[in-house]
Each structure stands twice: as C-alpha cells, then as structure tokens.
Amino acid sequence: MPRSVNSVASRARRKKVMKQAKGYFGRRKNVWTVSKNAVEKAMLYSYTGRKHKKRNFRSLWIQRINAGARLHGMSYSAFMGKLHANEIELNRKVLADLAMNHPEAFKAIVDKVK
C-alpha cells in the first residue's frame, strides 16, 4: 500500500505562511524555509509587542499624572498615596486623561486629596 500524505493540508499550511510573509524583502517573501523562519520571528515580536504596549501606556499615564500633579505642587507618589488613603478609586488611565484634557477636573481631585 502506498504512503498517504495529505498534500492538500500541507500546501494550505505553506500558503498561509507565505501569505503572511507578503511584503517581506528578498528571499523572505518567496522561499519557504526562509519565510517560515521570518514569519515565526515576526509572530514572536508581535506577541512580545502586545505585552510591551501595556507597559508603555502605563508609563505614559504615570508621566502625564506626574506632570499634572506637579502643576499643583505635588509629586506623583505623594498624589497617588493620598488618592489611596482617601479611597478614591480612579485608575491611571482615567487620571491621565483628566490631567491632559480636563485640567479643572484634575485640579478638583488634587484639592480633594490635599
């Protein structure tokens, strides 16, 4: 009995990877072994990039809150400590948005915790 290989599924798998490699430079776009490695590496980068994006946004929010708090004579750490002490449950994303786009609302929060 001859060996049965599912070439339809194999071809589909390769086509899927080659489609993902579309737009790459040189042999990365049209040679199977090279493009497979390039796509695997790209997927790894995209996975870690999604994690880094969360870190980057948190640090951006902290910088914006710090800048807003320093306009009113407080440091970031003192402001956040007093927020928690007064049991004001606003996350950094909301606080950063208030500091950037609604300074009067942010000033009200700072005055409340002082």
Protein backbone atom coordinates (compact mmCIF):
# COMPACT_ATOMS: atom_id res chain seq x y z
CA MET A 1 0.00 0.00 0.00
CA PRO A 2 1.45 3.40 -0.94
CA ARG A 3 2.20 6.00 1.67
CA SER A 4 -0.59 8.53 2.02
CA VAL A 5 0.44 12.13 2.57
CA ASN A 6 -2.12 14.86 2.97
CA SER A 7 -0.57 17.24 0.46
CA VAL A 8 -3.70 19.43 0.37
CA ALA A 9 -3.33 20.35 4.05
CA SER A 10 0.44 20.72 3.73
CA ARG A 11 0.07 23.06 0.77
CA ALA A 12 -2.57 25.08 2.65
CA ARG A 13 -0.28 25.45 5.67
CA ARG A 14 2.56 26.65 3.46
CA LYS A 15 0.29 29.01 1.55
CA LYS A 16 -0.91 30.53 4.82
CA VAL A 17 2.66 31.23 5.96
CA MET A 18 3.68 32.56 2.54
CA LYS A 19 0.69 34.89 2.58
CA GLN A 20 1.83 36.23 5.97
CA ALA A 21 5.32 36.81 4.52
CA LYS A 22 3.90 39.01 1.74
CA GLY A 23 5.75 42.31 1.65
CA TYR A 24 8.99 40.97 3.12
CA PHE A 25 12.27 41.75 1.32
CA GLY A 26 14.30 39.34 -0.79
CA ARG A 27 14.05 35.58 -0.24
CA ARG A 28 11.98 36.09 2.89
CA LYS A 29 8.88 36.54 0.74
CA ASN A 30 9.20 33.62 -1.69
CA VAL A 31 11.44 30.85 -0.28
CA TRP A 32 9.56 28.53 2.07
CA THR A 33 12.25 27.82 4.69
CA VAL A 34 13.38 31.44 4.90
CA SER A 35 9.86 32.85 5.03
CA LYS A 36 8.78 30.29 7.64
CA ASN A 37 11.55 31.46 9.97
CA ALA A 38 10.83 35.11 9.24
CA VAL A 39 7.11 34.72 9.97
CA GLU A 40 7.80 32.78 13.20
CA LYS A 41 10.13 35.54 14.37
CA ALA A 42 7.59 38.20 13.39
CA MET A 43 4.89 36.41 15.39
CA LEU A 44 7.21 36.29 18.39
CA TYR A 45 7.86 40.02 18.07
CA SER A 46 4.15 40.77 17.76
CA TYR A 47 3.38 38.71 20.90
CA THR A 48 6.01 40.50 22.97
CA GLY A 49 4.98 43.81 21.40
CA ARG A 50 1.45 43.39 22.76
CA LYS A 51 2.94 43.00 26.24
CA HIS A 52 5.28 45.98 25.78
CA LYS A 53 2.38 48.17 24.66
CA LYS A 54 0.73 47.75 28.07
CA ARG A 55 3.96 48.76 29.82
CA ASN A 56 4.48 51.75 27.57
CA PHE A 57 0.98 53.08 28.09
CA ARG A 58 1.22 52.69 31.86
CA SER A 59 4.47 54.67 31.92
CA LEU A 60 2.91 57.34 29.67
CA TRP A 61 -0.06 57.65 32.04
CA ILE A 62 2.30 57.96 35.02
CA GLN A 63 4.26 60.75 33.28
CA ARG A 64 1.06 62.65 32.50
CA ILE A 65 -0.28 62.30 36.05
CA ASN A 66 3.09 63.39 37.43
CA ALA A 67 3.13 66.48 35.19
CA GLY A 68 -0.44 67.36 36.21
CA ALA A 69 0.24 66.82 39.90
CA ARG A 70 3.43 68.92 39.84
CA LEU A 71 1.46 71.85 38.39
CA HIS A 72 -0.43 71.81 41.69
CA GLY A 73 2.63 71.34 43.91
CA MET A 74 2.57 67.57 44.48
CA SER A 75 4.75 64.74 43.30
CA TYR A 76 3.28 61.68 41.61
CA SER A 77 4.00 59.35 44.51
CA ALA A 78 2.51 61.70 47.10
CA PHE A 79 -0.55 62.23 44.93
CA MET A 80 -1.14 58.50 44.39
CA GLY A 81 -0.55 57.77 48.07
CA LYS A 82 -3.13 60.35 49.12
CA LEU A 83 -5.57 59.06 46.49
CA HIS A 84 -5.42 55.59 48.01
CA ALA A 85 -5.61 56.97 51.54
CA ASN A 86 -8.79 58.91 50.65
CA GLU A 87 -10.17 55.79 48.90
CA ILE A 88 -10.62 57.48 45.52
CA GLU A 89 -10.80 54.60 43.06
CA LEU A 90 -9.64 56.15 39.78
CA ASN A 91 -7.18 54.24 37.64
CA ARG A 92 -4.13 55.76 35.98
CA LYS A 93 -5.72 55.78 32.53
CA VAL A 94 -8.61 57.97 33.72
CA LEU A 95 -6.36 60.22 35.81
CA ALA A 96 -4.01 60.77 32.85
CA ASP A 97 -6.95 61.66 30.62
CA LEU A 98 -8.22 64.14 33.21
CA ALA A 99 -4.76 65.68 33.60
CA MET A 100 -4.39 66.09 29.82
CA ASN A 101 -7.88 67.04 28.64
CA HIS A 102 -9.78 68.27 31.71
CA PRO A 103 -7.32 70.18 33.95
CA GLU A 104 -10.09 71.76 36.04
CA ALA A 105 -11.46 68.32 36.97
CA PHE A 106 -7.93 67.12 37.77
CA LYS A 107 -7.38 70.21 39.95
CA ALA A 108 -10.58 69.35 41.85
CA ILE A 109 -9.23 65.87 42.56
CA VAL A 110 -5.87 67.29 43.71
CA ASP A 111 -7.64 69.78 46.00
CA LYS A 112 -9.76 66.97 47.44
CA VAL A 113 -6.76 64.85 48.41
CA LYS A 114 -4.60 67.71 49.76
